Protein backbone atom coordinates (compact mmCIF):
# COMPACT_ATOMS: atom_id res chain seq x y z
CA MET A 1 -24.62 -17.19 -0.35
CA ALA A 2 -23.57 -20.25 -2.30
CA ASP A 3 -23.92 -23.46 -0.74
CA THR A 4 -20.79 -25.81 -0.94
CA ARG A 5 -21.88 -28.50 1.16
CA GLY A 6 -21.59 -32.44 0.00
CA ALA A 7 -19.51 -33.73 -2.94
CA ASP A 8 -21.95 -33.96 -5.88
CA GLY A 9 -22.32 -31.02 -8.33
CA ALA A 10 -18.98 -29.41 -7.59
CA GLY A 11 -18.71 -28.64 -11.19
CA THR A 12 -21.67 -26.46 -11.15
CA ARG A 13 -20.46 -24.30 -8.11
CA ASP A 14 -18.65 -21.26 -8.27
CA SER A 15 -14.97 -22.27 -8.03
CA THR A 16 -13.70 -19.31 -6.36
CA ILE A 17 -16.14 -19.94 -3.43
CA VAL A 18 -15.25 -23.64 -3.32
CA ARG A 19 -11.69 -22.93 -3.14
CA ALA A 20 -12.32 -20.20 -0.35
CA VAL A 21 -14.08 -22.67 1.69
CA ALA A 22 -11.47 -25.42 1.12
CA MET A 23 -8.81 -22.80 2.42
CA ALA A 24 -10.91 -22.14 5.52
CA ARG A 25 -11.57 -25.81 6.33
CA ARG A 26 -7.97 -26.58 6.04
CA HIS A 27 -7.30 -24.09 8.95
CA GLY A 28 -10.10 -25.94 11.05
CA LEU A 29 -12.87 -23.77 10.38
CA ASP A 30 -16.25 -25.68 9.82
CA VAL A 31 -17.58 -23.58 7.38
CA GLU A 32 -20.34 -24.30 4.93
CA SER A 33 -20.80 -21.66 2.52
CA GLY A 34 -19.27 -18.31 1.19
CA GLU A 35 -19.77 -15.00 -0.82
CA GLU A 36 -17.38 -13.42 -2.98
CA LEU A 37 -17.09 -9.75 -2.41
CA VAL A 38 -16.47 -8.52 -5.90
CA ASP A 39 -14.73 -5.18 -7.16
CA LEU A 40 -12.25 -5.07 -4.23
CA GLY A 41 -8.98 -5.36 -6.31
CA SER A 42 -7.38 -7.11 -9.16
CA VAL A 43 -4.90 -9.06 -7.15
CA ASN A 44 -6.75 -11.06 -4.54
CA HIS A 45 -10.17 -12.81 -4.38
CA VAL A 46 -12.17 -11.74 -1.28
CA VAL A 47 -14.78 -14.36 0.03
CA VAL A 48 -16.68 -14.06 3.11
CA VAL A 49 -17.24 -17.72 4.26
CA SER A 50 -19.69 -18.69 7.09
CA SER A 51 -20.69 -21.29 9.48
CA GLY A 52 -24.05 -20.14 11.43
CA GLU A 53 -23.69 -16.92 12.57
CA ASP A 54 -19.86 -17.00 12.41
CA ARG A 55 -18.23 -15.34 9.59
CA TRP A 56 -14.30 -15.23 8.47
CA VAL A 57 -12.80 -13.32 5.28
CA VAL A 58 -10.87 -15.48 3.12
CA ARG A 59 -8.42 -13.63 0.67
CA PHE A 60 -6.39 -15.28 -1.84
CA ALA A 61 -4.20 -14.49 -4.82
CA ARG A 62 -5.78 -14.67 -8.38
CA GLU A 63 -2.33 -15.82 -9.72
CA PRO A 64 0.35 -17.87 -8.13
CA GLY A 65 3.51 -16.09 -6.80
CA ASN A 66 2.28 -13.49 -4.26
CA ASP A 67 5.74 -13.45 -2.50
CA GLY A 68 4.53 -14.04 0.99
CA ILE A 69 2.09 -10.83 1.24
CA PHE A 70 -0.17 -12.44 3.57
CA ALA A 71 2.55 -13.12 6.15
CA ALA A 72 3.57 -9.42 5.84
CA GLU A 73 -0.29 -8.29 6.26
CA GLN A 74 -0.32 -10.55 9.31
CA TRP A 75 2.75 -9.05 10.88
CA CYS A 76 1.48 -5.67 10.27
CA ALA A 77 -1.79 -6.17 11.55
CA ARG A 78 -0.62 -7.57 14.84
CA ARG A 79 1.77 -4.75 15.29
CA ALA A 80 -0.68 -2.08 14.51
CA ALA A 81 -3.36 -3.50 16.85
CA ALA A 82 -0.45 -3.84 19.55
CA ALA A 83 -0.04 -0.06 18.93
CA GLY A 84 -3.47 1.11 19.20
CA VAL A 85 -4.77 1.10 15.70
CA PRO A 86 -8.04 -0.92 15.31
CA THR A 87 -7.47 -3.39 12.43
CA ALA A 88 -8.73 -6.94 11.44
CA GLN A 89 -6.29 -9.67 12.48
CA THR A 90 -5.09 -12.47 9.96
CA ILE A 91 -5.69 -15.58 11.87
CA ALA A 92 -4.17 -18.01 9.42
CA ILE A 93 -2.10 -18.03 6.36
CA GLY A 94 -1.11 -20.67 4.05
CA VAL A 95 -0.88 -22.13 0.21
CA LEU A 96 -3.40 -24.18 -1.41
CA ASP A 97 -2.91 -25.25 -5.09
CA GLY A 98 0.08 -23.06 -5.29
CA LEU A 99 -2.07 -19.77 -4.15
CA ASP A 100 -1.19 -18.02 -1.07
CA HIS A 101 -3.99 -17.16 1.05
CA GLY A 102 -5.04 -15.30 4.26
CA ILE A 103 -7.87 -15.90 6.69
CA GLN A 104 -9.02 -12.67 8.67
CA GLU A 105 -11.60 -11.77 11.27
CA TYR A 106 -14.80 -10.76 9.67
CA VAL A 107 -15.50 -6.99 10.90
CA PRO A 108 -18.88 -6.13 10.43
CA GLY A 109 -19.55 -2.59 9.21
CA ALA A 110 -19.75 -0.35 6.15
CA PRO A 111 -16.60 1.53 4.37
CA ALA A 112 -16.17 5.12 5.39
CA SER A 113 -16.16 6.14 1.61
CA GLY A 114 -19.16 7.90 0.62
CA THR A 115 -20.04 8.92 4.11
CA GLU A 116 -19.13 11.93 6.51
CA PRO A 117 -18.71 11.72 10.41
CA ALA A 118 -21.55 12.70 12.34
CA ASP A 119 -19.40 15.43 13.93
CA PRO A 120 -19.34 18.19 11.27
CA GLU A 121 -15.79 19.16 12.61
CA ALA A 122 -14.43 15.70 12.18
CA SER A 123 -13.15 14.00 8.86
CA TRP A 124 -12.09 10.51 7.98
CA TRP A 125 -8.97 11.90 6.55
CA ALA A 126 -8.20 13.25 10.24
CA THR A 127 -8.76 9.79 11.35
CA LEU A 128 -6.38 8.21 8.99
CA GLY A 129 -4.10 10.99 9.91
CA ARG A 130 -3.86 9.84 13.47
CA TYR A 131 -3.64 6.01 12.49
CA ALA A 132 -0.80 6.97 10.12
CA ALA A 133 0.91 8.69 13.04
CA VAL A 134 1.04 5.69 15.05
CA ILE A 135 1.99 3.28 12.20
CA HIS A 136 4.72 5.43 10.92
CA ARG A 137 6.72 4.82 14.61
CA ILE A 138 6.37 0.94 14.06
CA GLU A 139 9.69 -0.51 13.41
CA PRO A 140 11.01 -3.74 12.06
CA ASP A 141 11.97 -6.74 14.24
CA ASP A 142 13.53 -10.02 13.41
CA ASP A 143 10.09 -11.54 12.76
CA ALA A 144 9.21 -8.87 10.08
CA PRO A 145 8.66 -10.60 6.57
CA ASP A 146 11.23 -9.55 3.84
CA ALA A 147 8.15 -8.62 1.69
CA LEU A 148 7.95 -5.45 3.76
CA PHE A 149 11.29 -4.27 2.84
CA SER A 150 12.71 -2.79 -0.53
CA ARG A 151 15.31 -4.71 -2.53
CA PHE A 152 17.87 -2.64 -0.97
CA GLY A 153 17.73 -4.74 2.12
CA ARG A 154 16.37 -4.69 5.69
CA ASP A 155 18.68 -2.00 7.35
CA LEU A 156 16.36 0.83 6.71
CA THR A 157 19.04 3.59 6.91
CA GLU A 158 21.44 1.79 4.72
CA ALA A 159 18.56 0.66 2.39
CA TRP A 160 17.77 4.51 1.91
CA ARG A 161 21.44 5.26 1.10
CA GLN A 162 21.75 2.22 -1.44
CA HIS A 163 18.42 3.54 -2.86
CA LEU A 164 19.76 6.99 -3.47
CA ALA A 165 23.15 5.47 -4.79
CA TYR A 166 21.28 3.32 -7.16
CA ASN A 167 19.33 6.06 -8.84
CA LEU A 168 22.15 8.38 -8.92
CA GLY A 169 24.36 5.67 -10.66
CA CYS A 170 21.71 5.02 -13.35
CA LEU A 171 21.71 8.96 -13.90
CA THR A 172 25.34 9.25 -14.26
CA ALA A 173 26.20 6.25 -16.19
CA GLY A 174 27.58 6.97 -19.74
CA GLU A 175 25.00 4.62 -21.31
CA ASP A 176 21.45 5.43 -20.32
CA LEU A 177 18.48 3.70 -21.93
CA LEU A 178 15.99 6.45 -21.01
CA LEU A 179 18.22 9.12 -22.47
CA SER A 180 18.89 7.26 -25.72
CA ARG A 181 15.08 6.52 -26.12
CA GLY A 182 14.10 10.19 -25.32
CA VAL A 183 12.37 9.93 -21.99
CA TYR A 184 14.33 12.75 -20.92
CA SER A 185 16.71 15.19 -22.37
CA ALA A 186 20.41 15.56 -20.95
CA ASP A 187 19.27 18.99 -19.26
CA GLU A 188 16.33 17.01 -17.44
CA ARG A 189 18.55 14.31 -16.62
CA ARG A 190 21.04 16.70 -15.03
CA ARG A 191 18.22 18.30 -13.31
CA LEU A 192 17.03 15.04 -12.00
CA ARG A 193 20.28 14.07 -10.86
CA ASP A 194 20.74 17.13 -8.84
CA THR A 195 17.23 16.75 -7.29
CA VAL A 196 18.40 13.05 -6.05
CA GLU A 197 21.50 14.22 -4.84
CA ALA A 198 20.05 16.85 -2.66
CA LEU A 199 17.98 14.16 -1.01
CA ARG A 200 21.18 12.84 0.50
CA ASP A 201 21.10 15.82 2.94
CA VAL A 202 17.55 15.23 4.05
CA PRO A 203 17.35 13.41 7.28
CA MET A 204 14.67 10.81 6.88
CA ARG A 205 12.48 9.14 9.61
CA PHE A 206 11.84 5.35 8.78
CA GLY A 207 8.98 3.43 9.88
CA LEU A 208 6.32 1.46 8.45
CA SER A 209 3.88 2.81 5.75
CA HIS A 210 0.47 1.49 5.25
CA GLY A 211 0.53 2.50 1.57
CA ASP A 212 -3.26 2.81 0.97
CA LEU A 213 -4.96 4.96 3.38
CA SER A 214 -8.28 5.59 2.34
CA PRO A 215 -11.86 6.20 3.81
CA ARG A 216 -12.58 2.88 1.49
CA ASN A 217 -10.13 1.00 3.70
CA LEU A 218 -11.83 2.09 6.88
CA LEU A 219 -14.63 0.15 8.09
CA LEU A 220 -17.35 1.91 10.43
CA PRO A 221 -18.70 -0.44 13.14
CA GLU A 222 -22.41 -0.12 14.16
CA PRO A 223 -22.71 3.26 15.88
CA ALA A 224 -24.45 1.61 18.95
CA THR A 225 -21.05 -0.25 19.73
CA GLY A 226 -19.06 3.08 20.23
CA ALA A 227 -16.15 1.42 18.43
CA ALA A 228 -13.63 3.17 16.41
CA PRO A 229 -13.10 2.79 12.62
CA VAL A 230 -11.06 -0.18 11.49
CA LEU A 231 -8.33 -0.01 9.22
CA ILE A 232 -7.78 -2.80 6.90
CA ASP A 233 -5.93 -3.98 3.81
CA TRP A 234 -2.25 -3.87 4.61
CA GLY A 235 -1.19 -5.38 1.15
CA CYS A 236 0.63 -2.20 0.22
CA ALA A 237 2.52 -1.67 3.29
CA THR A 238 6.19 -1.15 3.23
CA PHE A 239 9.17 0.17 5.44
CA GLY A 240 10.93 3.31 4.61
CA PRO A 241 10.67 6.96 4.81
CA ALA A 242 7.04 6.43 5.94
CA LEU A 243 5.41 9.54 5.77
CA HIS A 244 6.61 10.46 2.37
CA LEU A 245 5.64 6.87 0.89
CA ASP A 246 2.01 7.29 2.19
CA LEU A 247 1.82 10.87 0.78
CA VAL A 248 2.84 9.50 -2.79
CA ALA A 249 0.24 6.96 -2.28
CA LEU A 250 -2.36 9.72 -1.24
CA GLU A 251 -1.38 11.78 -4.33
CA ARG A 252 -2.16 8.60 -6.39
CA GLU A 253 -5.55 8.34 -4.49
CA ARG A 254 -6.44 11.82 -5.32
CA ALA A 255 -5.46 11.48 -9.01
CA ASN A 256 -7.76 8.46 -9.29
CA THR A 257 -10.81 9.69 -6.90
CA GLY A 258 -10.16 13.55 -6.61
CA ARG A 259 -9.90 12.67 -2.77
CA PRO A 260 -8.44 13.89 -0.64
CA THR A 261 -9.02 17.64 -1.45
CA ALA A 262 -7.02 20.35 -0.55
CA GLY A 263 -8.67 20.87 2.77
CA GLU A 264 -8.58 17.17 3.57
CA TRP A 265 -4.78 16.77 2.71
CA GLU A 266 -4.15 19.54 5.31
CA LEU A 267 -6.43 17.65 7.98
CA PHE A 268 -4.47 14.43 7.07
CA LEU A 269 -1.31 16.32 7.52
CA ALA A 270 -2.06 17.77 10.77
CA ALA A 271 -3.54 14.87 12.45
CA ALA A 272 -0.17 12.90 11.29
CA GLY A 273 2.02 15.48 12.86
CA ALA A 274 3.69 16.31 9.85
CA ASP A 275 5.74 19.41 9.40
CA ARG A 276 4.23 21.43 6.41
CA ALA A 277 7.35 23.28 5.56
CA GLU A 278 9.30 19.94 5.57
CA VAL A 279 6.58 18.21 3.39
CA ASP A 280 6.60 21.12 0.65
CA ALA A 281 10.41 21.17 0.52
CA VAL A 282 10.87 17.37 0.59
CA LEU A 283 7.87 15.77 -1.32
CA PRO A 284 8.50 17.11 -4.91
CA ALA A 285 12.01 15.59 -4.97
CA PHE A 286 10.91 12.22 -3.16
CA ARG A 287 8.10 11.88 -5.77
CA LEU A 288 10.58 12.12 -8.58
CA LEU A 289 12.89 9.89 -7.10
CA GLN A 290 10.23 7.17 -6.52
CA HIS A 291 9.01 7.26 -10.06
CA HIS A 292 12.37 7.27 -11.49
CA ASP A 293 13.10 4.27 -9.37
CA LEU A 294 10.19 2.29 -10.47
CA VAL A 295 11.19 2.83 -14.05
CA ARG A 296 14.47 1.32 -13.30
CA TRP A 297 13.22 -1.52 -11.50
CA ALA A 298 10.77 -2.37 -14.40
CA ILE A 299 13.99 -2.21 -16.69
CA ASP A 300 15.91 -4.63 -14.25
CA ARG A 301 12.78 -7.09 -13.27
CA CYS A 302 9.58 -6.34 -15.03
CA PRO A 303 9.99 -5.18 -18.53
CA GLU A 304 6.43 -5.63 -19.24
CA ARG A 305 5.58 -2.73 -17.04
CA LEU A 306 8.26 -0.50 -18.53
CA GLU A 307 5.75 1.54 -20.77
CA GLU A 308 3.39 2.28 -17.90
CA THR A 309 6.19 3.37 -15.41
CA VAL A 310 7.83 5.56 -18.09
CA ARG A 311 4.51 7.18 -18.70
CA SER A 312 3.92 7.93 -15.05
CA PHE A 313 7.47 9.14 -14.51
CA ARG A 314 7.04 11.58 -17.55
CA ALA A 315 3.96 12.87 -16.16
CA VAL A 316 5.57 13.37 -12.89
CA LEU A 317 8.63 15.09 -14.47
CA ASP A 318 6.54 17.47 -16.54
CA GLN A 319 4.48 18.55 -13.65
CA SER A 320 7.76 19.22 -11.86
CA GLY A 321 8.79 21.81 -14.23
CA GLY A 322 10.74 19.63 -16.67
CA ALA A 323 14.42 20.99 -17.69
CA ASP A 324 13.34 24.74 -16.80
CA GLY A 325 11.94 24.06 -13.44
CA PRO A 326 13.72 24.89 -10.38
CA ILE A 327 15.86 21.97 -8.69
CA ALA A 328 13.96 20.47 -5.55
CA LEU A 329 15.39 21.62 -2.19
CA ALA A 330 18.07 23.77 -3.88
């Protein structure tokens, strides 16, 4: 590990580690050194700092303006642990040099990705499904940070209603940037509008979605401890139709890594207590809605991501059958 003791030679030290140590010391941790864990994401630096045998994990934003994400992670970890999901707790949050940061418990262990449970009948995807079932029942309280809610507000039922109304409004407006630019045809637009309209009649169950359920976010304690896998990384957590939000995230995981396989998908659904027929009926429509909404969000608030979101939306629309495919839920 890089040693950061003393005042001389600071210019030659790793600035990321120096900053992480300064953050830890600000919260009363008498740390002396640190080691950055690389390739753990593009949003935050991750540094393990230590003092003797004691260790903590410092995570801080690579760029200013992280919108209170560490406060949201802290809330999620506390609520998940109280509900029975093993997870690393955030012991302190703050801002230093304009950068949000969070300090977490250090959990010894290796990620479950690349390994299989000792029990051949078990699966990490079943473990993730069981954890998801618990997390999805977590509801917001007055202390839940705003970062956990969509731009449509904290009332989850009303936010879903406004979410649908906003997207329907975009799909019925006379002037439509996506139509004029050829992102979709008039027939595809009409089909998409009918799909979103049909979602109005679907009863949704609202709760907390982890947003990144994957074996890489399961830490396996030493077998001798007998402890359950620890779920980490709440940076994508959000409130909404929790099961479907997590399923869309799992589809993204499959596109990137090939997992979960079809069999692992079924194990996850069963462990999460999902109704398979309901998932088959609703998820295609929900997927289309989310990708369309992301494009509209990019137009309104993040134009630098417009090309990326349009490309993803177009791929999902093509996959769903385009103008000739069946209308979801019809």
